[in-house]
N, C-alpha and C. Protein backbone atom coordinates (compact mmCIF):
# COMPACT_ATOMS: atom_id res chain seq x y z
N UNK A 1 -18.48 72.84 -66.42
CA UNK A 1 -18.49 74.45 -66.29
C UNK A 1 -18.86 74.97 -65.40
N UNK A 2 -19.37 74.57 -64.36
CA UNK A 2 -19.98 75.16 -63.32
C UNK A 2 -19.03 75.32 -62.20
N UNK A 3 -17.58 74.91 -62.21
CA UNK A 3 -16.67 74.59 -61.53
C UNK A 3 -15.75 76.36 -61.72
N UNK A 4 -16.24 77.39 -62.53
CA UNK A 4 -15.42 78.34 -63.05
C UNK A 4 -15.77 79.42 -61.92
N UNK A 5 -14.83 80.41 -61.84
CA UNK A 5 -14.57 81.03 -60.83
C UNK A 5 -15.53 82.11 -60.95
N UNK A 6 -16.24 82.63 -61.70
CA UNK A 6 -17.55 83.57 -62.48
C UNK A 6 -18.61 82.82 -61.70
N UNK A 7 -18.52 81.44 -61.46
CA UNK A 7 -20.02 80.59 -61.02
C UNK A 7 -20.06 80.71 -59.56
N UNK A 8 -19.04 80.76 -58.75
CA UNK A 8 -18.64 80.66 -57.32
C UNK A 8 -19.46 82.12 -56.99
N UNK A 9 -18.98 83.66 -58.03
CA UNK A 9 -19.31 84.75 -57.60
C UNK A 9 -20.56 84.77 -57.71
N UNK A 10 -20.88 84.20 -58.76
CA UNK A 10 -22.61 84.64 -58.94
C UNK A 10 -23.52 83.75 -57.69
N UNK A 11 -23.08 82.82 -57.27
CA UNK A 11 -23.69 81.93 -56.45
C UNK A 11 -23.39 82.59 -54.81
N UNK A 12 -22.43 83.54 -54.76
CA UNK A 12 -22.18 84.76 -53.62
C UNK A 12 -23.32 85.74 -53.65
N UNK A 13 -23.66 85.91 -55.06
CA UNK A 13 -24.90 86.79 -55.18
C UNK A 13 -26.06 86.46 -54.65
N UNK A 14 -26.72 85.42 -55.55
CA UNK A 14 -27.40 84.49 -54.90
C UNK A 14 -27.78 84.32 -53.43
N UNK A 15 -26.99 84.05 -52.65
CA UNK A 15 -26.88 83.93 -51.36
C UNK A 15 -26.68 85.19 -50.62
N UNK A 16 -26.26 86.31 -50.62
CA UNK A 16 -26.51 87.44 -50.46
C UNK A 16 -27.55 87.92 -50.50
N UNK A 17 -28.56 88.14 -51.84
CA UNK A 17 -29.56 88.70 -51.78
C UNK A 17 -30.61 87.68 -51.06
N UNK A 18 -30.02 86.43 -50.92
CA UNK A 18 -31.60 85.56 -50.02
C UNK A 18 -31.37 85.60 -48.97
N UNK A 19 -30.29 85.89 -48.39
CA UNK A 19 -30.12 85.89 -46.94
C UNK A 19 -30.60 87.63 -46.20
N UNK A 20 -30.44 88.36 -47.20
CA UNK A 20 -31.22 89.47 -47.16
C UNK A 20 -32.65 89.81 -46.28
N UNK A 21 -33.24 88.88 -46.74
CA UNK A 21 -34.66 88.38 -45.92
C UNK A 21 -34.57 88.05 -44.29
N UNK A 22 -33.37 87.23 -44.00
CA UNK A 22 -33.66 87.23 -42.76
C UNK A 22 -32.67 87.91 -41.99
N UNK A 23 -31.88 88.90 -42.29
CA UNK A 23 -31.09 89.80 -41.44
C UNK A 23 -31.85 91.17 -41.43
N UNK A 24 -31.72 92.07 -40.19
CA UNK A 24 -32.04 93.53 -40.25
C UNK A 24 -31.61 94.71 -41.32
N UNK A 25 -32.62 95.11 -41.85
CA UNK A 25 -32.05 96.12 -42.63
C UNK A 25 -31.51 97.60 -42.12
N UNK A 26 -32.67 97.97 -41.55
CA UNK A 26 -32.26 98.89 -40.87
C UNK A 26 -33.12 99.37 -39.12
N UNK A 27 -32.58 100.36 -38.42
CA UNK A 27 -32.85 100.45 -36.95
C UNK A 27 -32.60 101.69 -36.97
N UNK A 28 -34.10 101.95 -36.66
CA UNK A 28 -34.93 103.61 -35.76
C UNK A 28 -34.79 103.73 -34.33
N UNK A 29 -33.96 104.70 -33.86
CA UNK A 29 -33.50 105.06 -32.85
C UNK A 29 -34.46 106.50 -32.24
N UNK A 30 -35.72 106.28 -31.65
CA UNK A 30 -36.03 107.34 -31.22
C UNK A 30 -35.89 107.91 -30.16
N UNK A 31 -35.68 109.58 -30.01
CA UNK A 31 -34.76 110.54 -28.92
C UNK A 31 -36.26 110.50 -27.70
N UNK A 32 -36.27 110.89 -26.42
CA UNK A 32 -37.09 111.50 -25.89
C UNK A 32 -36.40 112.59 -24.70
N UNK A 33 -36.73 113.89 -24.81
CA UNK A 33 -36.20 114.73 -24.23
C UNK A 33 -36.76 115.31 -23.08
N UNK A 34 -36.18 114.77 -21.45
CA UNK A 34 -36.74 115.39 -20.34
C UNK A 34 -35.97 115.92 -19.90
N UNK A 35 -36.09 117.54 -19.32
CA UNK A 35 -34.92 118.05 -18.68
C UNK A 35 -33.73 118.30 -19.13
N UNK A 36 -34.01 118.74 -20.40
CA UNK A 36 -32.83 118.76 -21.41
C UNK A 36 -31.81 117.63 -21.20
N UNK A 37 -32.24 116.78 -21.30
CA UNK A 37 -31.69 115.53 -21.07
C UNK A 37 -32.22 114.28 -22.12
N UNK A 38 -31.42 113.88 -22.99
CA UNK A 38 -32.06 113.55 -24.00
C UNK A 38 -31.43 111.97 -24.10
N UNK A 39 -32.43 110.93 -24.04
CA UNK A 39 -32.34 109.66 -23.88
C UNK A 39 -32.73 108.88 -25.06
N UNK A 40 -32.57 107.51 -25.10
CA UNK A 40 -32.99 106.86 -25.83
C UNK A 40 -34.66 106.49 -25.57
N UNK A 41 -35.86 106.80 -26.21
CA UNK A 41 -37.16 106.06 -25.93
C UNK A 41 -37.24 104.61 -26.52
N UNK A 42 -36.93 104.55 -27.77
CA UNK A 42 -37.62 103.37 -28.28
C UNK A 42 -36.37 102.98 -29.28
N UNK A 43 -36.18 101.52 -29.71
CA UNK A 43 -35.22 100.88 -30.63
C UNK A 43 -36.25 100.00 -31.51
N UNK A 44 -36.35 100.53 -32.87
CA UNK A 44 -37.64 99.71 -33.87
C UNK A 44 -36.57 98.99 -34.60
N UNK A 45 -36.35 97.79 -34.71
CA UNK A 45 -35.84 97.46 -35.93
C UNK A 45 -36.36 96.98 -37.01
N UNK A 46 -35.83 97.41 -38.26
CA UNK A 46 -36.58 96.88 -39.39
C UNK A 46 -36.33 95.98 -40.74
N UNK A 47 -36.84 94.95 -40.81
CA UNK A 47 -36.37 93.56 -41.65
C UNK A 47 -37.24 93.97 -43.33
N UNK A 48 -36.23 93.16 -44.23
CA UNK A 48 -36.84 93.53 -45.74
C UNK A 48 -38.40 93.35 -45.65
N UNK A 49 -38.62 91.65 -44.79
CA UNK A 49 -40.27 91.34 -45.08
C UNK A 49 -40.96 91.90 -44.35
N UNK A 50 -40.80 93.01 -43.56
CA UNK A 50 -41.68 93.94 -43.18
C UNK A 50 -41.78 95.09 -43.98
N UNK A 51 -40.52 95.25 -44.97
CA UNK A 51 -41.32 96.42 -46.15
C UNK A 51 -42.30 95.72 -46.79
N UNK A 52 -42.22 94.30 -46.90
CA UNK A 52 -43.14 94.09 -47.91
C UNK A 52 -44.29 93.85 -47.07
N UNK A 53 -44.65 93.20 -45.89
CA UNK A 53 -45.82 93.08 -45.44
C UNK A 53 -46.49 94.05 -44.26
N UNK A 54 -45.71 94.73 -43.64
CA UNK A 54 -46.21 95.13 -42.57
C UNK A 54 -46.79 96.50 -42.83
N UNK A 55 -48.31 96.98 -42.42
CA UNK A 55 -48.98 98.11 -42.88
C UNK A 55 -49.59 98.34 -41.35
N UNK A 56 -49.15 99.82 -40.74
CA UNK A 56 -49.82 100.33 -39.63
C UNK A 56 -50.08 101.29 -39.62
N UNK A 57 -50.44 101.91 -38.93
CA UNK A 57 -51.07 103.22 -38.66
C UNK A 57 -49.92 104.38 -37.94
N UNK A 58 -49.53 105.27 -37.87
CA UNK A 58 -48.74 106.58 -37.45
C UNK A 58 -49.27 106.61 -35.73
N UNK A 59 -48.33 106.84 -35.27
CA UNK A 59 -48.61 107.02 -33.75
C UNK A 59 -48.94 108.38 -33.39
N UNK A 60 -48.28 109.53 -33.99
CA UNK A 60 -48.29 110.72 -34.14
C UNK A 60 -49.27 111.30 -35.17
N UNK A 61 -49.53 110.62 -35.93
CA UNK A 61 -50.62 111.37 -36.90
C UNK A 61 -51.60 110.13 -37.46
N UNK A 62 -52.60 109.79 -36.88
CA UNK A 62 -53.39 108.46 -36.62
C UNK A 62 -54.19 108.48 -38.40
N UNK A 63 -54.23 109.74 -39.18
CA UNK A 63 -54.87 109.78 -40.49
C UNK A 63 -53.59 109.28 -41.18
N UNK A 64 -52.24 108.79 -40.94
CA UNK A 64 -50.91 108.60 -41.99
C UNK A 64 -51.08 107.09 -42.04
N UNK A 65 -51.30 106.54 -43.00
CA UNK A 65 -51.18 105.05 -42.92
C UNK A 65 -49.89 104.65 -43.98
N UNK A 66 -48.85 103.99 -43.32
CA UNK A 66 -47.85 103.51 -44.05
C UNK A 66 -47.86 102.26 -44.76
N UNK A 67 -47.98 102.29 -46.28
CA UNK A 67 -48.49 101.29 -46.92
C UNK A 67 -47.54 100.59 -47.09
N UNK A 68 -47.94 98.76 -47.06
CA UNK A 68 -46.45 98.14 -47.24
C UNK A 68 -46.15 98.05 -48.63
N UNK A 69 -44.82 97.63 -48.73
CA UNK A 69 -43.97 98.25 -49.96
C UNK A 69 -43.42 96.68 -50.30
N UNK A 70 -44.30 96.02 -51.35
CA UNK A 70 -43.72 94.70 -51.51
C UNK A 70 -42.70 94.80 -53.00
N UNK A 71 -42.85 95.62 -53.59
CA UNK A 71 -41.60 95.82 -54.29
C UNK A 71 -40.03 95.56 -53.96
N UNK A 72 -39.93 96.15 -53.06
CA UNK A 72 -38.55 95.99 -52.61
C UNK A 72 -38.10 94.40 -52.30
N UNK A 73 -38.98 93.82 -51.87
CA UNK A 73 -38.93 92.24 -51.67
C UNK A 73 -38.68 91.48 -53.10
N UNK A 74 -39.60 92.20 -53.90
CA UNK A 74 -39.88 91.43 -55.43
C UNK A 74 -38.31 91.84 -56.46
N UNK A 75 -38.13 92.85 -55.99
CA UNK A 75 -36.79 93.27 -56.69
C UNK A 75 -35.82 92.04 -56.18
N UNK A 76 -35.87 92.81 -55.14
CA UNK A 76 -34.63 91.36 -54.22
C UNK A 76 -34.70 90.15 -54.77
N UNK A 77 -35.78 89.28 -54.90
CA UNK A 77 -35.68 88.12 -55.26
C UNK A 77 -35.66 87.79 -57.07
N UNK A 78 -35.90 89.13 -57.58
CA UNK A 78 -35.99 88.93 -58.93
C UNK A 78 -33.90 88.75 -58.90
N UNK A 79 -33.83 89.72 -58.18
CA UNK A 79 -32.21 89.82 -58.89
C UNK A 79 -31.51 88.61 -58.01
N UNK A 80 -32.19 87.91 -57.46
CA UNK A 80 -31.64 86.54 -56.61
C UNK A 80 -31.72 85.29 -57.73
N UNK A 81 -33.08 85.50 -58.05
CA UNK A 81 -33.26 84.49 -59.40
C UNK A 81 -32.41 84.55 -60.31
N UNK A 82 -32.12 85.91 -60.93
CA UNK A 82 -31.30 86.11 -62.00
C UNK A 82 -29.96 85.55 -61.87
N UNK A 83 -29.66 86.09 -60.61
CA UNK A 83 -28.03 85.43 -60.45
C UNK A 83 -28.25 83.94 -60.30
N UNK A 84 -28.87 83.23 -59.86
CA UNK A 84 -29.15 81.51 -60.12
C UNK A 84 -29.30 81.31 -61.35
N UNK A 85 -30.09 82.08 -61.76
CA UNK A 85 -30.39 81.34 -63.29
C UNK A 85 -28.96 81.69 -63.83
N UNK A 86 -28.21 82.81 -64.13
CA UNK A 86 -27.47 82.91 -64.75
C UNK A 86 -25.94 81.91 -64.66
N UNK A 87 -26.20 81.41 -63.69
CA UNK A 87 -25.14 80.35 -63.32
C UNK A 87 -25.13 78.89 -63.88
N UNK A 88 -26.27 78.92 -64.61
CA UNK A 88 -26.32 77.63 -65.36
C UNK A 88 -26.71 77.79 -67.23
N UNK A 89 -25.97 79.25 -67.03
CA UNK A 89 -26.20 79.62 -68.58
C UNK A 89 -24.50 79.99 -69.11
N UNK A 90 -23.67 78.83 -68.77
CA UNK A 90 -22.68 79.43 -68.94
C UNK A 90 -22.02 78.81 -70.37
N UNK A 91 -22.92 78.13 -71.26
CA UNK A 91 -22.83 77.92 -72.54
C UNK A 91 -22.73 79.12 -73.39
N UNK A 92 -23.47 80.15 -72.47
CA UNK A 92 -23.71 81.16 -73.84
C UNK A 92 -23.49 82.20 -72.70
N UNK A 93 -22.13 83.04 -73.01
CA UNK A 93 -21.46 83.53 -72.16
C UNK A 93 -21.87 85.14 -72.35
N UNK A 94 -22.17 85.71 -73.84
CA UNK A 94 -23.31 86.52 -74.13
C UNK A 94 -24.38 86.59 -73.41
N UNK A 95 -25.19 85.78 -73.31
CA UNK A 95 -26.12 85.96 -72.31
C UNK A 95 -26.15 86.14 -70.77
N UNK A 96 -24.81 85.23 -70.42
CA UNK A 96 -24.71 85.41 -68.62
C UNK A 96 -24.31 86.93 -69.09
N UNK A 97 -23.73 87.70 -69.65
CA UNK A 97 -23.02 89.16 -69.29
C UNK A 97 -24.67 90.17 -69.48
N UNK A 98 -25.44 89.93 -70.45
CA UNK A 98 -26.46 90.73 -70.55
C UNK A 98 -27.47 90.18 -68.77
N UNK A 99 -27.55 89.43 -68.70
CA UNK A 99 -28.07 88.89 -67.35
C UNK A 99 -27.47 89.26 -66.29
N UNK A 100 -26.60 89.58 -66.44
CA UNK A 100 -25.41 90.39 -65.35
C UNK A 100 -25.42 91.74 -65.43
N UNK A 101 -25.86 92.49 -66.49
CA UNK A 101 -25.96 93.71 -66.55
C UNK A 101 -27.21 93.88 -65.81
N UNK A 102 -28.46 93.42 -66.43
CA UNK A 102 -29.51 93.49 -65.93
C UNK A 102 -29.49 93.36 -64.17
N UNK A 103 -29.06 92.19 -64.01
CA UNK A 103 -28.91 92.32 -62.40
C UNK A 103 -28.56 93.54 -61.67
N UNK A 104 -27.10 94.03 -62.32
CA UNK A 104 -26.47 95.10 -61.96
C UNK A 104 -27.58 96.10 -61.59
N UNK A 105 -28.49 96.64 -62.74
CA UNK A 105 -29.50 97.58 -63.12
C UNK A 105 -30.45 97.27 -61.48
N UNK A 106 -31.46 96.15 -61.88
CA UNK A 106 -31.98 95.94 -60.64
C UNK A 106 -31.50 96.03 -59.39
N UNK A 107 -30.19 95.85 -58.83
CA UNK A 107 -29.59 95.37 -57.68
C UNK A 107 -29.35 97.26 -57.03
N UNK A 108 -28.95 98.37 -58.25
CA UNK A 108 -29.03 99.29 -58.08
C UNK A 108 -30.32 100.12 -57.67
N UNK A 109 -31.10 99.80 -58.58
CA UNK A 109 -32.36 100.25 -58.48
C UNK A 109 -33.30 100.07 -56.81
N UNK A 110 -32.95 98.61 -56.72
CA UNK A 110 -33.23 98.79 -55.41
C UNK A 110 -32.71 99.06 -54.31
N UNK A 111 -30.89 99.51 -54.28
CA UNK A 111 -30.55 100.37 -53.67
C UNK A 111 -31.29 101.86 -53.24
N UNK A 112 -31.39 102.46 -54.67
CA UNK A 112 -31.88 103.69 -54.30
C UNK A 112 -33.14 103.62 -53.81
N UNK A 113 -34.44 102.84 -54.27
CA UNK A 113 -35.67 102.80 -53.12
C UNK A 113 -35.47 102.43 -52.05
N UNK A 114 -34.88 101.32 -51.28
CA UNK A 114 -34.51 101.36 -49.90
C UNK A 114 -33.97 102.93 -49.51
N UNK A 115 -33.43 103.50 -50.23
CA UNK A 115 -32.64 104.71 -49.22
C UNK A 115 -33.56 105.68 -49.22
N UNK A 116 -34.22 105.89 -50.48
CA UNK A 116 -35.65 106.74 -50.54
C UNK A 116 -36.50 106.21 -49.83
N UNK A 117 -36.87 105.17 -49.12
CA UNK A 117 -38.05 104.75 -48.42
C UNK A 117 -37.33 105.18 -46.99
N UNK A 118 -36.26 104.82 -46.69
CA UNK A 118 -35.59 104.63 -45.11
C UNK A 118 -35.80 106.18 -45.00
N UNK A 119 -35.07 107.17 -45.84
CA UNK A 119 -34.85 108.67 -45.46
C UNK A 119 -35.35 109.45 -45.85
N UNK A 120 -36.08 109.61 -47.50
CA UNK A 120 -37.40 110.38 -47.45
C UNK A 120 -38.67 110.13 -47.16
N UNK A 121 -39.21 109.26 -47.17
CA UNK A 121 -40.70 109.28 -46.55
C UNK A 121 -40.73 108.68 -45.15
N UNK A 122 -39.23 108.61 -44.66
CA UNK A 122 -39.52 108.76 -42.75
C UNK A 122 -39.70 110.15 -42.61
N UNK A 123 -38.69 110.96 -43.27
CA UNK A 123 -38.61 112.49 -42.67
C UNK A 123 -40.20 113.36 -43.03
N UNK A 124 -41.25 112.52 -43.94
CA UNK A 124 -41.98 113.02 -44.45
C UNK A 124 -43.38 113.01 -43.35
N UNK A 125 -43.03 111.95 -42.39
CA UNK A 125 -43.81 111.84 -41.30
C UNK A 125 -43.56 112.67 -40.15
N UNK A 126 -41.98 113.31 -40.38
CA UNK A 126 -41.91 114.23 -39.03
C UNK A 126 -41.57 113.98 -37.88
N UNK A 127 -40.78 112.53 -38.00
CA UNK A 127 -40.55 111.98 -36.05
C UNK A 127 -39.31 112.89 -36.09
N UNK A 128 -38.87 112.81 -34.39
CA UNK A 128 -37.21 113.06 -34.55
C UNK A 128 -36.96 111.57 -33.66
N UNK A 129 -36.14 111.03 -34.98
CA UNK A 129 -35.03 109.84 -34.83
C UNK A 129 -33.71 109.88 -35.47
N UNK A 130 -33.04 109.10 -35.03
CA UNK A 130 -31.99 108.44 -35.96
C UNK A 130 -32.56 107.15 -36.65
N UNK A 131 -31.50 107.05 -37.85
CA UNK A 131 -32.00 105.83 -38.95
C UNK A 131 -29.86 104.90 -38.62
N UNK A 132 -30.13 104.10 -38.48
CA UNK A 132 -29.00 102.99 -38.58
C UNK A 132 -28.82 102.01 -39.81
N UNK A 133 -28.30 101.94 -40.62
CA UNK A 133 -28.51 100.90 -41.66
C UNK A 133 -27.70 99.58 -41.02
N UNK A 134 -28.39 98.64 -41.30
CA UNK A 134 -27.76 97.50 -40.80
C UNK A 134 -27.22 96.43 -41.81
N UNK A 135 -26.47 95.34 -41.57
CA UNK A 135 -26.37 94.28 -42.48
C UNK A 135 -27.25 93.95 -43.82
N UNK A 136 -28.69 93.77 -43.51
CA UNK A 136 -29.33 93.72 -44.85
C UNK A 136 -29.16 94.39 -46.29
N UNK A 137 -28.52 95.87 -45.73
CA UNK A 137 -28.57 96.89 -46.77
C UNK A 137 -27.03 96.93 -47.33
N UNK A 138 -26.20 96.19 -46.37
CA UNK A 138 -25.04 95.85 -47.16
C UNK A 138 -24.83 94.58 -47.83
N UNK A 139 -25.46 93.60 -47.42
CA UNK A 139 -25.31 92.35 -48.70
C UNK A 139 -26.11 93.10 -49.94
N UNK A 140 -26.36 93.77 -50.08
CA UNK A 140 -27.31 93.61 -51.31
C UNK A 140 -25.73 94.54 -51.97
N UNK A 141 -25.06 95.61 -50.93
CA UNK A 141 -24.27 95.92 -51.63
C UNK A 141 -23.25 95.10 -52.20
N UNK A 142 -22.69 94.02 -51.03
CA UNK A 142 -21.65 93.04 -51.67
C UNK A 142 -21.90 92.26 -52.62
N UNK A 143 -23.50 92.25 -52.60
CA UNK A 143 -24.15 91.11 -53.95
C UNK A 143 -23.65 92.10 -55.35
N UNK A 144 -23.86 93.58 -55.28
CA UNK A 144 -23.74 93.95 -56.24
C UNK A 144 -21.95 93.90 -56.73
N UNK A 145 -21.58 93.78 -55.67
CA UNK A 145 -19.93 93.73 -56.13
C UNK A 145 -19.54 92.34 -56.44
N UNK A 146 -19.45 91.55 -55.85
CA UNK A 146 -20.16 90.10 -56.48
C UNK A 146 -20.51 90.15 -58.10
N UNK A 147 -21.51 90.75 -58.21
CA UNK A 147 -22.17 90.18 -59.50
C UNK A 147 -20.98 90.95 -60.40
N UNK A 148 -20.69 92.34 -60.58
CA UNK A 148 -19.55 92.88 -60.92
C UNK A 148 -18.10 92.03 -61.41
N UNK A 149 -17.54 91.49 -60.23
CA UNK A 149 -16.79 90.81 -60.18
C UNK A 149 -16.87 89.24 -61.63
N UNK A 150 -17.56 88.69 -61.16
CA UNK A 150 -18.33 87.91 -62.15
C UNK A 150 -18.43 88.52 -63.47
N UNK A 151 -19.15 89.17 -63.48
CA UNK A 151 -19.05 89.95 -65.31
C UNK A 151 -17.80 89.93 -65.84
N UNK A 152 -17.02 90.62 -64.93
CA UNK A 152 -15.58 90.87 -65.38
C UNK A 152 -15.00 89.43 -65.55
N UNK A 153 -15.18 88.36 -64.85
CA UNK A 153 -14.70 87.05 -65.25
C UNK A 153 -15.41 86.87 -66.60
N UNK A 154 -16.59 86.62 -66.64
CA UNK A 154 -17.68 85.90 -67.76
C UNK A 154 -16.56 86.64 -68.90
N UNK A 155 -16.31 88.27 -69.41
CA UNK A 155 -16.09 89.05 -70.03
C UNK A 155 -14.92 88.61 -70.44
N UNK A 156 -14.19 87.98 -69.34
CA UNK A 156 -12.65 87.55 -69.92
C UNK A 156 -12.54 86.11 -70.57
N UNK A 157 -13.46 85.64 -69.98
CA UNK A 157 -13.50 84.13 -70.49
C UNK A 157 -14.02 84.03 -72.16
N UNK A 158 -15.14 85.46 -72.13
CA UNK A 158 -15.38 85.65 -73.57
C UNK A 158 -14.23 85.85 -74.58
N UNK A 159 -13.14 87.14 -73.98
CA UNK A 159 -12.22 87.23 -74.71
C UNK A 159 -11.36 85.99 -75.28
N UNK A 160 -11.18 85.60 -74.02
CA UNK A 160 -10.73 83.93 -74.55
C UNK A 160 -10.48 83.29 -75.65
N UNK A 161 -12.01 83.10 -75.11
CA UNK A 161 -12.08 81.99 -76.74
C UNK A 161 -12.68 83.02 -78.19
N UNK A 162 -12.72 84.07 -77.76
CA UNK A 162 -12.68 84.81 -79.50
C UNK A 162 -10.98 84.48 -80.05
N UNK A 163 -10.08 84.79 -79.14
CA UNK A 163 -9.05 85.00 -79.30
C UNK A 163 -8.16 83.27 -79.85
N UNK A 164 -8.75 82.15 -78.84
CA UNK A 164 -8.59 81.03 -79.80
C UNK A 164 -9.09 80.64 -80.82
N UNK A 165 -10.25 81.38 -80.61
CA UNK A 165 -11.07 81.04 -82.69
C UNK A 165 -10.65 81.86 -83.47
N UNK A 166 -9.64 83.08 -83.37
CA UNK A 166 -8.91 83.86 -84.57
C UNK A 166 -7.92 82.82 -84.64
N UNK A 167 -7.11 82.18 -83.74
CA UNK A 167 -6.00 81.48 -84.09
C UNK A 167 -6.12 80.47 -84.88
N UNK A 168 -7.00 79.78 -84.55
CA UNK A 168 -7.63 78.73 -85.95
C UNK A 168 -7.42 78.72 -87.07
């Protein structure tokens, strides 16, 4: 029963979540003003694994240490592991639905934490820059959509099995 369509969607969830590790999450563009002309001073690309391991001191305020945030990477890998585990729970569809619901909650929580870290915490440092969200963030959204589609097909299978049991 691994060949079911929901297994393909769950595999896409797993691939999307684990590939966020290799693609950039955001890009910070710092501007400089000289003679009333705004130019780009530098571009800094942020990856998920940098959120987990990077610890540095802010250049503008040396007393402000930006701590690493490994919980984002841990949440992404837990969600990817749950979706991979859910593929092999095809005999127990109710358990698969529960795992899918928990996985959706974890991914939504991860998205909200990433948005908080990108926009609110960076604003607290008081830099003048723009943040562009890149492919890794959208991969988490894609995984959330694939997870909801997989849950819909799992529920459809469960209803079909319950109807056939009622006919007997």
